[in-house]
């Protein structure tokens, strides 16, 4: 049973998952009409005058910083956890 699970795990993580993620990214890019490329400059236009708050909410810059902080923070936590699992206690040092 363990050999079967190892085979399925290796099949998914070594080859299939990479192609699925790449294909999904390309599909969403085509489906949304290359929105991440078309509106790249628009991002900086919005952030240029984002120091003022709207009607009692947070500014676009504050929303961007909050979003980035949560993504980077979670990535750092997961990176440390995976390093500990794969490398053992020596990975800390």
PDB file of N, CA and C in Angstrom:
ATOM      1  N   UNK A   1       0.815  -1.197   0.000  1.00  0.00           N
ATOM      2  CA  UNK A   1       0.000   0.000   0.000  1.00  0.00           C
ATOM      3  C   UNK A   1       0.857   1.259   0.000  1.00  0.00           C
ATOM      4  N   UNK A   2       1.944   1.234   0.766  1.00  0.00           N
ATOM      5  CA  UNK A   2       2.826   2.397   0.830  1.00  0.00           C
ATOM      6  C   UNK A   2       3.499   2.635  -0.523  1.00  0.00           C
ATOM      7  N   UNK A   3       3.827   1.552  -1.223  1.00  0.00           N
ATOM      8  CA  UNK A   3       4.456   1.706  -2.539  1.00  0.00           C
ATOM      9  C   UNK A   3       3.491   2.336  -3.535  1.00  0.00           C
ATOM     10  N   UNK A   4       2.230   1.968  -3.461  1.00  0.00           N
ATOM     11  CA  UNK A   4       1.224   2.556  -4.347  1.00  0.00           C
ATOM     12  C   UNK A   4       1.067   4.047  -4.070  1.00  0.00           C
ATOM     13  N   UNK A   5       1.000   4.410  -2.789  1.00  0.00           N
ATOM     14  CA  UNK A   5       0.875   5.819  -2.434  1.00  0.00           C
ATOM     15  C   UNK A   5       2.113   6.609  -2.847  1.00  0.00           C
ATOM     16  N   UNK A   6       3.287   6.029  -2.685  1.00  0.00           N
ATOM     17  CA  UNK A   6       4.513   6.697  -3.128  1.00  0.00           C
ATOM     18  C   UNK A   6       4.526   6.879  -4.640  1.00  0.00           C
ATOM     19  N   UNK A   7       4.052   5.880  -5.383  1.00  0.00           N
ATOM     20  CA  UNK A   7       3.992   5.989  -6.835  1.00  0.00           C
ATOM     21  C   UNK A   7       3.043   7.114  -7.260  1.00  0.00           C
ATOM     22  N   UNK A   8       1.853   7.162  -6.639  1.00  0.00           N
ATOM     23  CA  UNK A   8       0.885   8.216  -6.968  1.00  0.00           C
ATOM     24  C   UNK A   8       1.428   9.582  -6.573  1.00  0.00           C
ATOM     25  N   UNK A   9       2.055   9.670  -5.424  1.00  0.00           N
ATOM     26  CA  UNK A   9       2.651  10.921  -4.965  1.00  0.00           C
ATOM     27  C   UNK A   9       3.727  11.405  -5.933  1.00  0.00           C
ATOM     28  N   UNK A  10       4.611  10.504  -6.335  1.00  0.00           N
ATOM     29  CA  UNK A  10       5.670  10.889  -7.273  1.00  0.00           C
ATOM     30  C   UNK A  10       5.104  11.278  -8.635  1.00  0.00           C
ATOM     31  N   UNK A  11       4.078  10.587  -9.067  1.00  0.00           N
ATOM     32  CA  UNK A  11       3.462  10.914 -10.353  1.00  0.00           C
ATOM     33  C   UNK A  11       2.851  12.305 -10.328  1.00  0.00           C
ATOM     34  N   UNK A  12       2.130  12.610  -9.247  1.00  0.00           N
ATOM     35  CA  UNK A  12       1.478  13.913  -9.157  1.00  0.00           C
ATOM     36  C   UNK A  12       2.469  15.051  -8.965  1.00  0.00           C
ATOM     37  N   UNK A  13       3.390  14.924  -8.041  1.00  0.00           N
ATOM     38  CA  UNK A  13       4.267  16.029  -7.688  1.00  0.00           C
ATOM     39  C   UNK A  13       5.441  16.185  -8.642  1.00  0.00           C
ATOM     40  N   UNK A  14       5.872  15.130  -9.300  1.00  0.00           N
ATOM     41  CA  UNK A  14       7.043  15.236 -10.162  1.00  0.00           C
ATOM     42  C   UNK A  14       6.725  15.701 -11.569  1.00  0.00           C
ATOM     43  N   UNK A  15       5.599  15.285 -12.119  1.00  0.00           N
ATOM     44  CA  UNK A  15       5.358  15.652 -13.510  1.00  0.00           C
ATOM     45  C   UNK A  15       3.985  16.249 -13.744  1.00  0.00           C
ATOM     46  N   UNK A  16       2.970  15.622 -13.277  1.00  0.00           N
ATOM     47  CA  UNK A  16       1.617  16.023 -13.620  1.00  0.00           C
ATOM     48  C   UNK A  16       1.237  17.385 -13.055  1.00  0.00           C
ATOM     49  N   UNK A  17       1.569  17.657 -11.812  1.00  0.00           N
ATOM     50  CA  UNK A  17       1.160  18.895 -11.167  1.00  0.00           C
ATOM     51  C   UNK A  17       1.771  20.119 -11.839  1.00  0.00           C
ATOM     52  N   UNK A  18       3.011  20.017 -12.263  1.00  0.00           N
ATOM     53  CA  UNK A  18       3.666  21.145 -12.932  1.00  0.00           C
ATOM     54  C   UNK A  18       2.935  21.492 -14.217  1.00  0.00           C
ATOM     55  N   UNK A  19       2.586  20.494 -15.000  1.00  0.00           N
ATOM     56  CA  UNK A  19       1.879  20.751 -16.252  1.00  0.00           C
ATOM     57  C   UNK A  19       0.460  21.248 -16.002  1.00  0.00           C
ATOM     58  N   UNK A  20      -0.193  20.751 -14.966  1.00  0.00           N
ATOM     59  CA  UNK A  20      -1.529  21.235 -14.632  1.00  0.00           C
ATOM     60  C   UNK A  20      -1.508  22.699 -14.199  1.00  0.00           C
ATOM     61  N   UNK A  21      -0.550  23.070 -13.364  1.00  0.00           N
ATOM     62  CA  UNK A  21      -0.447  24.462 -12.941  1.00  0.00           C
ATOM     63  C   UNK A  21      -0.098  25.382 -14.103  1.00  0.00           C
ATOM     64  N   UNK A  22       0.818  24.957 -14.945  1.00  0.00           N
ATOM     65  CA  UNK A  22       1.190  25.752 -16.119  1.00  0.00           C
ATOM     66  C   UNK A  22       0.010  25.891 -17.069  1.00  0.00           C
ATOM     67  N   UNK A  23      -0.690  24.803 -17.323  1.00  0.00           N
ATOM     68  CA  UNK A  23      -1.852  24.842 -18.199  1.00  0.00           C
ATOM     69  C   UNK A  23      -2.969  25.708 -17.645  1.00  0.00           C
ATOM     70  N   UNK A  24      -3.196  25.625 -16.336  1.00  0.00           N
ATOM     71  CA  UNK A  24      -4.227  26.445 -15.712  1.00  0.00           C
ATOM     72  C   UNK A  24      -3.881  27.927 -15.808  1.00  0.00           C
ATOM     73  N   UNK A  25      -2.621  28.265 -15.588  1.00  0.00           N
ATOM     74  CA  UNK A  25      -2.189  29.658 -15.717  1.00  0.00           C
ATOM     75  C   UNK A  25      -2.361  30.185 -17.128  1.00  0.00           C
ATOM     76  N   UNK A  26      -2.013  29.375 -18.114  1.00  0.00           N
ATOM     77  CA  UNK A  26      -2.181  29.788 -19.512  1.00  0.00           C
ATOM     78  C   UNK A  26      -3.658  29.910 -19.850  1.00  0.00           C
ATOM     79  N   UNK A  27      -4.475  28.975 -19.374  1.00  0.00           N
ATOM     80  CA  UNK A  27      -5.909  29.024 -19.650  1.00  0.00           C
ATOM     81  C   UNK A  27      -6.550  30.284 -19.070  1.00  0.00           C
ATOM     82  N   UNK A  28      -6.222  30.600 -17.798  1.00  0.00           N
ATOM     83  CA  UNK A  28      -6.780  31.802 -17.192  1.00  0.00           C
ATOM     84  C   UNK A  28      -6.271  33.061 -17.885  1.00  0.00           C
ATOM     85  N   UNK A  29      -5.021  33.061 -18.326  1.00  0.00           N
ATOM     86  CA  UNK A  29      -4.485  34.212 -19.054  1.00  0.00           C
ATOM     87  C   UNK A  29      -5.237  34.422 -20.348  1.00  0.00           C
ATOM     88  N   UNK A  30      -5.474  33.358 -21.081  1.00  0.00           N
ATOM     89  CA  UNK A  30      -6.216  33.477 -22.337  1.00  0.00           C
ATOM     90  C   UNK A  30      -7.676  33.832 -22.085  1.00  0.00           C
ATOM     91  N   UNK A  31      -8.272  33.227 -21.079  1.00  0.00           N
ATOM     92  CA  UNK A  31      -9.691  33.440 -20.793  1.00  0.00           C
ATOM     93  C   UNK A  31      -9.978  34.877 -20.347  1.00  0.00           C
ATOM     94  N   UNK A  32      -9.060  35.473 -19.597  1.00  0.00           N
ATOM     95  CA  UNK A  32      -9.243  36.848 -19.137  1.00  0.00           C
ATOM     96  C   UNK A  32      -8.673  37.870 -20.106  1.00  0.00           C
ATOM     97  N   UNK A  33      -8.152  37.437 -21.226  1.00  0.00           N
ATOM     98  CA  UNK A  33      -7.667  38.368 -22.244  1.00  0.00           C
ATOM     99  C   UNK A  33      -6.379  39.070 -21.853  1.00  0.00           C
ATOM    100  N   UNK A  34      -5.457  38.361 -21.228  1.00  0.00           N
ATOM    101  CA  UNK A  34      -4.156  38.898 -20.830  1.00  0.00           C
ATOM    102  C   UNK A  34      -4.302  40.130 -19.942  1.00  0.00           C
ATOM    103  N   UNK A  35      -5.212  40.044 -18.978  1.00  0.00           N
ATOM    104  CA  UNK A  35      -5.509  41.202 -18.133  1.00  0.00           C
ATOM    105  C   UNK A  35      -4.299  41.634 -17.313  1.00  0.00           C
ATOM    106  N   UNK A  36      -3.456  40.713 -16.911  1.00  0.00           N
ATOM    107  CA  UNK A  36      -2.293  41.081 -16.107  1.00  0.00           C
ATOM    108  C   UNK A  36      -1.277  41.865 -16.922  1.00  0.00           C
ATOM    109  N   UNK A  37      -1.294  41.714 -18.233  1.00  0.00           N
ATOM    110  CA  UNK A  37      -0.388  42.473 -19.100  1.00  0.00           C
ATOM    111  C   UNK A  37      -1.045  43.779 -19.548  1.00  0.00           C
ATOM    112  N   UNK A  38      -2.324  43.706 -19.905  1.00  0.00           N
ATOM    113  CA  UNK A  38      -3.046  44.894 -20.385  1.00  0.00           C
ATOM    114  C   UNK A  38      -3.145  45.982 -19.329  1.00  0.00           C
ATOM    115  N   UNK A  39      -3.332  45.618 -18.089  1.00  0.00           N
ATOM    116  CA  UNK A  39      -3.560  46.605 -17.034  1.00  0.00           C
ATOM    117  C   UNK A  39      -2.348  46.772 -16.120  1.00  0.00           C
ATOM    118  N   UNK A  40      -1.171  46.448 -16.593  1.00  0.00           N
ATOM    119  CA  UNK A  40       0.029  46.571 -15.765  1.00  0.00           C
ATOM    120  C   UNK A  40       0.294  48.031 -15.410  1.00  0.00           C
ATOM    121  N   UNK A  41       0.229  48.927 -16.382  1.00  0.00           N
ATOM    122  CA  UNK A  41       0.469  50.354 -16.127  1.00  0.00           C
ATOM    123  C   UNK A  41      -0.663  50.967 -15.306  1.00  0.00           C
ATOM    124  N   UNK A  42      -1.868  50.445 -15.440  1.00  0.00           N
ATOM    125  CA  UNK A  42      -3.008  50.953 -14.685  1.00  0.00           C
ATOM    126  C   UNK A  42      -2.795  50.762 -13.183  1.00  0.00           C
ATOM    127  N   UNK A  43      -2.071  49.728 -12.806  1.00  0.00           N
ATOM    128  CA  UNK A  43      -1.769  49.481 -11.397  1.00  0.00           C
ATOM    129  C   UNK A  43      -1.019  50.657 -10.801  1.00  0.00           C
ATOM    130  N   UNK A  44      -0.030  51.152 -11.521  1.00  0.00           N
ATOM    131  CA  UNK A  44       0.769  52.264 -11.009  1.00  0.00           C
ATOM    132  C   UNK A  44      -0.013  53.573 -11.050  1.00  0.00           C
ATOM    133  N   UNK A  45      -0.927  53.707 -11.996  1.00  0.00           N
ATOM    134  CA  UNK A  45      -1.779  54.889 -12.039  1.00  0.00           C
ATOM    135  C   UNK A  45      -2.665  54.958 -10.804  1.00  0.00           C
ATOM    136  N   UNK A  46      -3.213  53.833 -10.398  1.00  0.00           N
ATOM    137  CA  UNK A  46      -4.058  53.797  -9.202  1.00  0.00           C
ATOM    138  C   UNK A  46      -3.232  54.068  -7.950  1.00  0.00           C
ATOM    139  N   UNK A  47      -2.053  53.489  -7.875  1.00  0.00           N
ATOM    140  CA  UNK A  47      -1.227  53.646  -6.679  1.00  0.00           C
ATOM    141  C   UNK A  47      -0.607  55.037  -6.564  1.00  0.00           C
ATOM    142  N   UNK A  48      -0.511  55.772  -7.666  1.00  0.00           N
ATOM    143  CA  UNK A  48       0.122  57.088  -7.653  1.00  0.00           C
ATOM    144  C   UNK A  48      -0.621  58.046  -6.723  1.00  0.00           C
ATOM    145  N   UNK A  49      -1.932  58.059  -6.796  1.00  0.00           N
ATOM    146  CA  UNK A  49      -2.741  58.963  -5.978  1.00  0.00           C
ATOM    147  C   UNK A  49      -3.509  58.215  -4.902  1.00  0.00           C
ATOM    148  N   UNK A  50      -2.883  57.223  -4.316  1.00  0.00           N
ATOM    149  CA  UNK A  50      -3.603  56.388  -3.357  1.00  0.00           C
ATOM    150  C   UNK A  50      -3.359  56.795  -1.919  1.00  0.00           C
ATOM    151  N   UNK A  51      -2.792  57.944  -1.685  1.00  0.00           N
ATOM    152  CA  UNK A  51      -2.555  58.374  -0.311  1.00  0.00           C
ATOM    153  C   UNK A  51      -3.805  58.833   0.395  1.00  0.00           C
ATOM    154  N   UNK A  52      -4.839  59.178  -0.357  1.00  0.00           N
ATOM    155  CA  UNK A  52      -6.080  59.639   0.260  1.00  0.00           C
ATOM    156  C   UNK A  52      -7.037  58.467   0.441  1.00  0.00           C
ATOM    157  N   UNK A  53      -7.779  58.542   1.505  1.00  0.00           N
ATOM    158  CA  UNK A  53      -8.756  57.493   1.785  1.00  0.00           C
ATOM    159  C   UNK A  53     -10.076  57.812   1.112  1.00  0.00           C
ATOM    160  N   UNK A  54     -10.777  56.745   0.821  1.00  0.00           N
ATOM    161  CA  UNK A  54     -12.118  56.907   0.266  1.00  0.00           C
ATOM    162  C   UNK A  54     -13.112  57.198   1.376  1.00  0.00           C
ATOM    163  N   UNK A  55     -14.327  56.875   1.173  1.00  0.00           N
ATOM    164  CA  UNK A  55     -15.391  57.149   2.139  1.00  0.00           C
ATOM    165  C   UNK A  55     -15.283  56.305   3.394  1.00  0.00           C
ATOM    166  N   UNK A  56     -14.313  56.557   4.234  1.00  0.00           N
ATOM    167  CA  UNK A  56     -14.196  55.855   5.505  1.00  0.00           C
ATOM    168  C   UNK A  56     -13.469  54.524   5.422  1.00  0.00           C
ATOM    169  N   UNK A  57     -13.043  54.107   4.248  1.00  0.00           N
ATOM    170  CA  UNK A  57     -12.348  52.827   4.097  1.00  0.00           C
ATOM    171  C   UNK A  57     -10.840  53.015   4.071  1.00  0.00           C
ATOM    172  N   UNK A  58     -10.166  52.011   3.603  1.00  0.00           N
ATOM    173  CA  UNK A  58      -8.723  52.098   3.496  1.00  0.00           C
ATOM    174  C   UNK A  58      -8.350  52.489   2.071  1.00  0.00           C
ATOM    175  N   UNK A  59      -7.166  53.049   1.926  1.00  0.00           N
ATOM    176  CA  UNK A  59      -6.722  53.486   0.606  1.00  0.00           C
ATOM    177  C   UNK A  59      -6.284  52.270  -0.212  1.00  0.00           C
ATOM    178  N   UNK A  60      -6.201  52.418  -1.533  1.00  0.00           N
ATOM    179  CA  UNK A  60      -5.722  51.302  -2.357  1.00  0.00           C
ATOM    180  C   UNK A  60      -4.306  50.860  -1.983  1.00  0.00           C
ATOM    181  N   UNK A  61      -3.458  51.805  -1.601  1.00  0.00           N
ATOM    182  CA  UNK A  61      -2.099  51.444  -1.206  1.00  0.00           C
ATOM    183  C   UNK A  61      -2.102  50.609   0.073  1.00  0.00           C
ATOM    184  N   UNK A  62      -2.951  50.951   1.017  1.00  0.00           N
ATOM    185  CA  UNK A  62      -3.049  50.167   2.247  1.00  0.00           C
ATOM    186  C   UNK A  62      -3.588  48.767   1.962  1.00  0.00           C
ATOM    187  N   UNK A  63      -4.531  48.674   1.037  1.00  0.00           N
ATOM    188  CA  UNK A  63      -5.053  47.356   0.665  1.00  0.00           C
ATOM    189  C   UNK A  63      -3.970  46.521  -0.003  1.00  0.00           C
ATOM    190  N   UNK A  64      -3.154  47.137  -0.865  1.00  0.00           N
ATOM    191  CA  UNK A  64      -2.055  46.424  -1.516  1.00  0.00           C
ATOM    192  C   UNK A  64      -1.036  45.949  -0.494  1.00  0.00           C
ATOM    193  N   UNK A  65      -0.665  46.817   0.429  1.00  0.00           N
ATOM    194  CA  UNK A  65       0.321  46.437   1.451  1.00  0.00           C
ATOM    195  C   UNK A  65      -0.192  45.314   2.341  1.00  0.00           C
ATOM    196  N   UNK A  66      -1.454  45.359   2.697  1.00  0.00           N
ATOM    197  CA  UNK A  66      -2.038  44.300   3.515  1.00  0.00           C
ATOM    198  C   UNK A  66      -2.042  42.973   2.765  1.00  0.00           C
ATOM    199  N   UNK A  67      -2.408  43.031   1.499  1.00  0.00           N
ATOM    200  CA  UNK A  67      -2.426  41.819   0.682  1.00  0.00           C
ATOM    201  C   UNK A  67      -1.027  41.227   0.535  1.00  0.00           C
ATOM    202  N   UNK A  68      -0.054  42.073   0.242  1.00  0.00           N
ATOM    203  CA  UNK A  68       1.316  41.583   0.097  1.00  0.00           C
ATOM    204  C   UNK A  68       1.858  41.033   1.412  1.00  0.00           C
ATOM    205  N   UNK A  69       1.548  41.705   2.515  1.00  0.00           N
ATOM    206  CA  UNK A  69       2.045  41.253   3.818  1.00  0.00           C
ATOM    207  C   UNK A  69       1.508  39.875   4.169  1.00  0.00           C
ATOM    208  N   UNK A  70       0.230  39.632   3.883  1.00  0.00           N
ATOM    209  CA  UNK A  70      -0.325  38.323   4.219  1.00  0.00           C
ATOM    210  C   UNK A  70       0.265  37.239   3.332  1.00  0.00           C
ATOM    211  N   UNK A  71       0.466  37.544   2.062  1.00  0.00           N
ATOM    212  CA  UNK A  71       1.024  36.522   1.162  1.00  0.00           C
ATOM    213  C   UNK A  71       2.475  36.225   1.494  1.00  0.00           C
ATOM    214  N   UNK A  72       3.262  37.257   1.730  1.00  0.00           N
ATOM    215  CA  UNK A  72       4.676  37.046   2.036  1.00  0.00           C
ATOM    216  C   UNK A  72       4.830  36.385   3.398  1.00  0.00           C
ATOM    217  N   UNK A  73       4.032  36.815   4.379  1.00  0.00           N
ATOM    218  CA  UNK A  73       4.112  36.224   5.711  1.00  0.00           C
ATOM    219  C   UNK A  73       3.763  34.751   5.707  1.00  0.00           C
ATOM    220  N   UNK A  74       2.691  34.390   5.012  1.00  0.00           N
ATOM    221  CA  UNK A  74       2.304  32.973   4.939  1.00  0.00           C
ATOM    222  C   UNK A  74       3.360  32.159   4.199  1.00  0.00           C
ATOM    223  N   UNK A  75       3.929  32.741   3.164  1.00  0.00           N
ATOM    224  CA  UNK A  75       4.983  32.040   2.421  1.00  0.00           C
ATOM    225  C   UNK A  75       6.214  31.795   3.275  1.00  0.00           C
ATOM    226  N   UNK A  76       6.573  32.765   4.103  1.00  0.00           N
ATOM    227  CA  UNK A  76       7.722  32.587   4.987  1.00  0.00           C
ATOM    228  C   UNK A  76       7.453  31.511   6.026  1.00  0.00           C
ATOM    229  N   UNK A  77       6.248  31.501   6.581  1.00  0.00           N
ATOM    230  CA  UNK A  77       5.910  30.473   7.578  1.00  0.00           C
ATOM    231  C   UNK A  77       5.931  29.082   6.954  1.00  0.00           C
ATOM    232  N   UNK A  78       5.361  28.966   5.779  1.00  0.00           N
ATOM    233  CA  UNK A  78       5.343  27.664   5.113  1.00  0.00           C
ATOM    234  C   UNK A  78       6.749  27.237   4.706  1.00  0.00           C
ATOM    235  N   UNK A  79       7.568  28.179   4.293  1.00  0.00           N
ATOM    236  CA  UNK A  79       8.946  27.846   3.915  1.00  0.00           C
ATOM    237  C   UNK A  79       9.735  27.289   5.093  1.00  0.00           C
ATOM    238  N   UNK A  80       9.575  27.902   6.241  1.00  0.00           N
ATOM    239  CA  UNK A  80      10.277  27.419   7.435  1.00  0.00           C
ATOM    240  C   UNK A  80       9.747  26.042   7.830  1.00  0.00           C
ATOM    241  N   UNK A  81       8.445  25.856   7.783  1.00  0.00           N
ATOM    242  CA  UNK A  81       7.868  24.564   8.152  1.00  0.00           C
ATOM    243  C   UNK A  81       8.346  23.460   7.214  1.00  0.00           C
ATOM    244  N   UNK A  82       8.373  23.740   5.921  1.00  0.00           N
ATOM    245  CA  UNK A  82       8.829  22.726   4.959  1.00  0.00           C
ATOM    246  C   UNK A  82      10.316  22.455   5.134  1.00  0.00           C
ATOM    247  N   UNK A  83      11.098  23.498   5.417  1.00  0.00           N
ATOM    248  CA  UNK A  83      12.532  23.287   5.654  1.00  0.00           C
ATOM    249  C   UNK A  83      12.763  22.411   6.877  1.00  0.00           C
ATOM    250  N   UNK A  84      11.975  22.620   7.916  1.00  0.00           N
ATOM    251  CA  UNK A  84      12.112  21.780   9.109  1.00  0.00           C
ATOM    252  C   UNK A  84      11.719  20.340   8.829  1.00  0.00           C
ATOM    253  N   UNK A  85      10.676  20.151   8.044  1.00  0.00           N
ATOM    254  CA  UNK A  85      10.238  18.787   7.733  1.00  0.00           C
ATOM    255  C   UNK A  85      11.275  18.073   6.874  1.00  0.00           C
ATOM    256  N   UNK A  86      11.777  18.753   5.858  1.00  0.00           N
ATOM    257  CA  UNK A  86      12.706  18.103   4.929  1.00  0.00           C
ATOM    258  C   UNK A  86      14.135  18.047   5.466  1.00  0.00           C
ATOM    259  N   UNK A  87      14.558  19.111   6.143  1.00  0.00           N
ATOM    260  CA  UNK A  87      15.947  19.166   6.574  1.00  0.00           C
ATOM    261  C   UNK A  87      16.192  18.834   8.020  1.00  0.00           C
ATOM    262  N   UNK A  88      15.153  18.700   8.790  1.00  0.00           N
ATOM    263  CA  UNK A  88      15.317  18.412  10.200  1.00  0.00           C
ATOM    264  C   UNK A  88      15.740  19.642  10.987  1.00  0.00           C
ATOM    265  N   UNK A  89      16.095  19.458  12.237  1.00  0.00           N
ATOM    266  CA  UNK A  89      16.465  20.605  13.070  1.00  0.00           C
ATOM    267  C   UNK A  89      17.689  21.353  12.561  1.00  0.00           C
ATOM    268  N   UNK A  90      18.556  20.702  11.817  1.00  0.00           N
ATOM    269  CA  UNK A  90      19.735  21.365  11.269  1.00  0.00           C
ATOM    270  C   UNK A  90      19.402  22.434  10.255  1.00  0.00           C
ATOM    271  N   UNK A  91      18.193  22.412   9.696  1.00  0.00           N
ATOM    272  CA  UNK A  91      17.788  23.427   8.722  1.00  0.00           C
ATOM    273  C   UNK A  91      17.634  24.800   9.370  1.00  0.00           C
ATOM    274  N   UNK A  92      17.427  24.841  10.658  1.00  0.00           N
ATOM    275  CA  UNK A  92      17.293  26.128  11.333  1.00  0.00           C
ATOM    276  C   UNK A  92      18.611  26.869  11.316  1.00  0.00           C
ATOM    277  N   UNK A  93      19.694  26.142  11.477  1.00  0.00           N
ATOM    278  CA  UNK A  93      21.006  26.782  11.554  1.00  0.00           C
ATOM    279  C   UNK A  93      21.648  26.852  10.194  1.00  0.00           C
TER     280      UNK A  93
END
